[in-house]
């Protein structure tokens, strides 16, 4: 996955950049520079971002499923 693909996926899943940066253990400004193409990530840094994004997407999905199961109003409508 490229940084551009990673950014697109992050946006599609409505994951804030600051949350991804924190989860991946990198500075938010560095993530911004990576996503804008001003810097190139190392292989390990890109892998950290991919893993962190996957975990955040999975957590968001689990939270949504729990909200639906509990009958939380509007949970079915969120993605």
N, C-alpha and C. Protein backbone atom coordinates (compact mmCIF):
# COMPACT_ATOMS: atom_id res chain seq x y z
N UNK A 1 0.85 -1.17 0.00
CA UNK A 1 0.00 0.00 0.00
C UNK A 1 0.89 1.24 0.00
N UNK A 2 0.51 2.23 -0.78
CA UNK A 2 1.25 3.48 -0.80
C UNK A 2 0.67 4.43 0.26
N UNK A 3 1.37 5.51 0.53
CA UNK A 3 0.88 6.49 1.50
C UNK A 3 -0.40 7.14 0.97
N UNK A 4 -0.48 7.34 -0.34
CA UNK A 4 -1.68 7.93 -0.95
C UNK A 4 -2.88 6.99 -0.74
N UNK A 5 -2.67 5.70 -0.95
CA UNK A 5 -3.74 4.72 -0.73
C UNK A 5 -4.12 4.67 0.74
N UNK A 6 -3.12 4.75 1.59
CA UNK A 6 -3.37 4.73 3.03
C UNK A 6 -4.22 5.94 3.43
N UNK A 7 -3.88 7.11 2.91
CA UNK A 7 -4.64 8.33 3.20
C UNK A 7 -6.09 8.20 2.72
N UNK A 8 -6.27 7.70 1.51
CA UNK A 8 -7.62 7.51 0.97
C UNK A 8 -8.44 6.57 1.84
N UNK A 9 -7.81 5.51 2.28
CA UNK A 9 -8.50 4.53 3.14
C UNK A 9 -8.83 5.16 4.50
N UNK A 10 -7.90 5.93 5.05
CA UNK A 10 -8.13 6.61 6.33
C UNK A 10 -9.32 7.55 6.23
N UNK A 11 -9.37 8.32 5.16
CA UNK A 11 -10.47 9.26 4.96
C UNK A 11 -11.78 8.52 4.73
N UNK A 12 -11.76 7.48 3.93
CA UNK A 12 -12.97 6.71 3.65
C UNK A 12 -13.59 6.12 4.93
N UNK A 13 -12.73 5.76 5.87
CA UNK A 13 -13.20 5.17 7.13
C UNK A 13 -13.36 6.20 8.25
N UNK A 14 -13.17 7.46 7.88
CA UNK A 14 -13.34 8.58 8.82
C UNK A 14 -12.47 8.43 10.07
N UNK A 15 -11.21 8.10 9.83
CA UNK A 15 -10.23 8.00 10.90
C UNK A 15 -9.43 9.30 10.92
N UNK A 16 -9.47 10.05 12.01
CA UNK A 16 -8.69 11.30 12.06
C UNK A 16 -7.19 11.03 11.96
N UNK A 17 -6.50 11.89 11.25
CA UNK A 17 -5.05 11.75 11.07
C UNK A 17 -4.33 11.75 12.41
N UNK A 18 -4.79 12.57 13.32
CA UNK A 18 -4.13 12.63 14.63
C UNK A 18 -4.26 11.31 15.38
N UNK A 19 -5.37 10.60 15.18
CA UNK A 19 -5.57 9.30 15.82
C UNK A 19 -4.64 8.27 15.19
N UNK A 20 -4.53 8.30 13.86
CA UNK A 20 -3.64 7.35 13.18
C UNK A 20 -2.19 7.60 13.57
N UNK A 21 -1.79 8.86 13.60
CA UNK A 21 -0.41 9.17 13.98
C UNK A 21 -0.11 8.67 15.39
N UNK A 22 -1.02 8.92 16.31
CA UNK A 22 -0.81 8.47 17.69
C UNK A 22 -0.71 6.95 17.76
N UNK A 23 -1.61 6.26 17.06
CA UNK A 23 -1.62 4.80 17.09
C UNK A 23 -0.34 4.23 16.47
N UNK A 24 0.16 4.88 15.42
CA UNK A 24 1.36 4.40 14.74
C UNK A 24 2.64 4.84 15.44
N UNK A 25 2.50 5.76 16.39
CA UNK A 25 3.67 6.22 17.12
C UNK A 25 4.53 7.20 16.35
N UNK A 26 3.89 7.98 15.45
CA UNK A 26 4.65 9.00 14.73
C UNK A 26 4.02 10.36 14.98
N UNK A 27 4.79 11.40 14.71
CA UNK A 27 4.34 12.76 14.89
C UNK A 27 3.27 13.11 13.86
N UNK A 28 2.25 13.83 14.27
CA UNK A 28 1.15 14.21 13.37
C UNK A 28 1.65 15.03 12.19
N UNK A 29 2.60 15.93 12.42
CA UNK A 29 3.14 16.74 11.33
C UNK A 29 3.88 15.87 10.32
N UNK A 30 4.56 14.84 10.81
CA UNK A 30 5.25 13.91 9.91
C UNK A 30 4.24 13.16 9.06
N UNK A 31 3.15 12.71 9.67
CA UNK A 31 2.11 12.01 8.90
C UNK A 31 1.57 12.93 7.81
N UNK A 32 1.33 14.17 8.15
CA UNK A 32 0.84 15.13 7.16
C UNK A 32 1.82 15.27 6.00
N UNK A 33 3.10 15.39 6.32
CA UNK A 33 4.12 15.51 5.28
C UNK A 33 4.20 14.25 4.41
N UNK A 34 4.02 13.10 5.04
CA UNK A 34 4.00 11.84 4.29
C UNK A 34 2.80 11.80 3.36
N UNK A 35 1.62 12.13 3.90
CA UNK A 35 0.39 12.06 3.10
C UNK A 35 0.39 13.07 1.95
N UNK A 36 1.08 14.20 2.14
CA UNK A 36 1.16 15.22 1.08
C UNK A 36 2.27 14.94 0.08
N UNK A 37 3.09 13.93 0.35
CA UNK A 37 4.15 13.56 -0.57
C UNK A 37 5.43 14.35 -0.39
N UNK A 38 5.52 15.12 0.68
CA UNK A 38 6.73 15.90 0.94
C UNK A 38 7.86 15.03 1.49
N UNK A 39 7.52 13.94 2.12
CA UNK A 39 8.49 12.99 2.66
C UNK A 39 8.11 11.58 2.21
N UNK A 40 9.10 10.71 2.16
CA UNK A 40 8.85 9.32 1.83
C UNK A 40 9.03 8.48 3.10
N UNK A 41 8.07 7.60 3.39
CA UNK A 41 8.20 6.77 4.59
C UNK A 41 9.22 5.65 4.38
N UNK A 42 9.82 5.24 5.48
CA UNK A 42 10.66 4.04 5.41
C UNK A 42 9.70 2.85 5.30
N UNK A 43 10.24 1.72 4.96
CA UNK A 43 9.40 0.52 4.87
C UNK A 43 8.74 0.18 6.19
N UNK A 44 9.50 0.30 7.28
CA UNK A 44 8.93 -0.03 8.59
C UNK A 44 7.89 1.01 9.02
N UNK A 45 8.11 2.26 8.66
CA UNK A 45 7.16 3.31 9.01
C UNK A 45 5.84 3.10 8.26
N UNK A 46 5.92 2.75 7.00
CA UNK A 46 4.71 2.48 6.23
C UNK A 46 3.97 1.28 6.80
N UNK A 47 4.71 0.27 7.20
CA UNK A 47 4.10 -0.93 7.81
C UNK A 47 3.41 -0.56 9.12
N UNK A 48 4.06 0.29 9.94
CA UNK A 48 3.44 0.75 11.19
C UNK A 48 2.11 1.45 10.91
N UNK A 49 2.11 2.29 9.90
CA UNK A 49 0.88 3.02 9.54
C UNK A 49 -0.21 2.08 9.06
N UNK A 50 0.16 1.11 8.24
CA UNK A 50 -0.82 0.13 7.74
C UNK A 50 -1.44 -0.66 8.89
N UNK A 51 -0.61 -1.14 9.79
CA UNK A 51 -1.09 -1.93 10.93
C UNK A 51 -1.99 -1.06 11.82
N UNK A 52 -1.54 0.14 12.10
CA UNK A 52 -2.32 1.04 12.96
C UNK A 52 -3.67 1.36 12.33
N UNK A 53 -3.68 1.63 11.03
CA UNK A 53 -4.95 1.94 10.35
C UNK A 53 -5.89 0.74 10.39
N UNK A 54 -5.36 -0.44 10.12
CA UNK A 54 -6.19 -1.64 10.17
C UNK A 54 -6.79 -1.84 11.55
N UNK A 55 -5.99 -1.64 12.59
CA UNK A 55 -6.48 -1.80 13.96
C UNK A 55 -7.55 -0.77 14.29
N UNK A 56 -7.37 0.47 13.85
CA UNK A 56 -8.37 1.51 14.12
C UNK A 56 -9.67 1.24 13.39
N UNK A 57 -9.58 0.76 12.15
CA UNK A 57 -10.78 0.43 11.38
C UNK A 57 -11.52 -0.73 12.05
N UNK A 58 -10.78 -1.74 12.50
CA UNK A 58 -11.39 -2.88 13.18
C UNK A 58 -12.04 -2.45 14.49
N UNK A 59 -11.38 -1.58 15.24
CA UNK A 59 -11.95 -1.09 16.50
C UNK A 59 -13.21 -0.28 16.26
N UNK A 60 -13.18 0.55 15.24
CA UNK A 60 -14.36 1.37 14.93
C UNK A 60 -15.54 0.47 14.54
N UNK A 61 -15.25 -0.57 13.78
CA UNK A 61 -16.30 -1.51 13.38
C UNK A 61 -16.87 -2.25 14.59
N UNK A 62 -16.00 -2.67 15.51
CA UNK A 62 -16.46 -3.36 16.72
C UNK A 62 -17.32 -2.45 17.59
N UNK A 63 -16.93 -1.20 17.69
CA UNK A 63 -17.71 -0.23 18.47
C UNK A 63 -19.08 -0.04 17.83
N UNK A 64 -19.11 0.08 16.51
CA UNK A 64 -20.37 0.24 15.79
C UNK A 64 -21.28 -0.98 16.00
N UNK A 65 -20.72 -2.17 15.90
CA UNK A 65 -21.50 -3.39 16.09
C UNK A 65 -22.06 -3.46 17.51
N UNK A 66 -21.27 -3.07 18.49
CA UNK A 66 -21.73 -3.07 19.88
C UNK A 66 -22.86 -2.05 20.06
N UNK A 67 -22.73 -0.91 19.43
CA UNK A 67 -23.76 0.12 19.53
C UNK A 67 -25.07 -0.37 18.90
N UNK A 68 -24.97 -1.01 17.76
CA UNK A 68 -26.17 -1.57 17.12
C UNK A 68 -26.81 -2.62 18.00
N UNK A 69 -26.00 -3.52 18.55
CA UNK A 69 -26.51 -4.58 19.42
C UNK A 69 -27.19 -4.01 20.65
N UNK A 70 -26.69 -2.89 21.15
CA UNK A 70 -27.27 -2.26 22.34
C UNK A 70 -28.47 -1.39 22.00
N UNK A 71 -28.74 -1.21 20.71
CA UNK A 71 -29.86 -0.39 20.30
C UNK A 71 -29.58 1.10 20.37
N UNK A 72 -28.32 1.46 20.25
CA UNK A 72 -27.94 2.87 20.31
C UNK A 72 -28.57 3.60 19.11
N UNK A 73 -29.28 4.69 19.38
CA UNK A 73 -29.97 5.42 18.30
C UNK A 73 -29.00 5.90 17.22
N UNK A 74 -29.34 5.61 15.98
CA UNK A 74 -28.54 6.07 14.85
C UNK A 74 -27.32 5.23 14.54
N UNK A 75 -27.01 4.23 15.33
CA UNK A 75 -25.80 3.43 15.09
C UNK A 75 -25.85 2.70 13.75
N UNK A 76 -27.02 2.34 13.31
CA UNK A 76 -27.14 1.59 12.05
C UNK A 76 -26.77 2.48 10.87
N UNK A 77 -26.96 3.77 11.00
CA UNK A 77 -26.76 4.69 9.89
C UNK A 77 -25.30 5.09 9.71
N UNK A 78 -24.47 4.86 10.72
CA UNK A 78 -23.07 5.28 10.61
C UNK A 78 -22.25 4.20 9.94
N UNK A 79 -21.18 4.58 9.30
CA UNK A 79 -20.33 3.62 8.60
C UNK A 79 -19.07 3.47 9.30
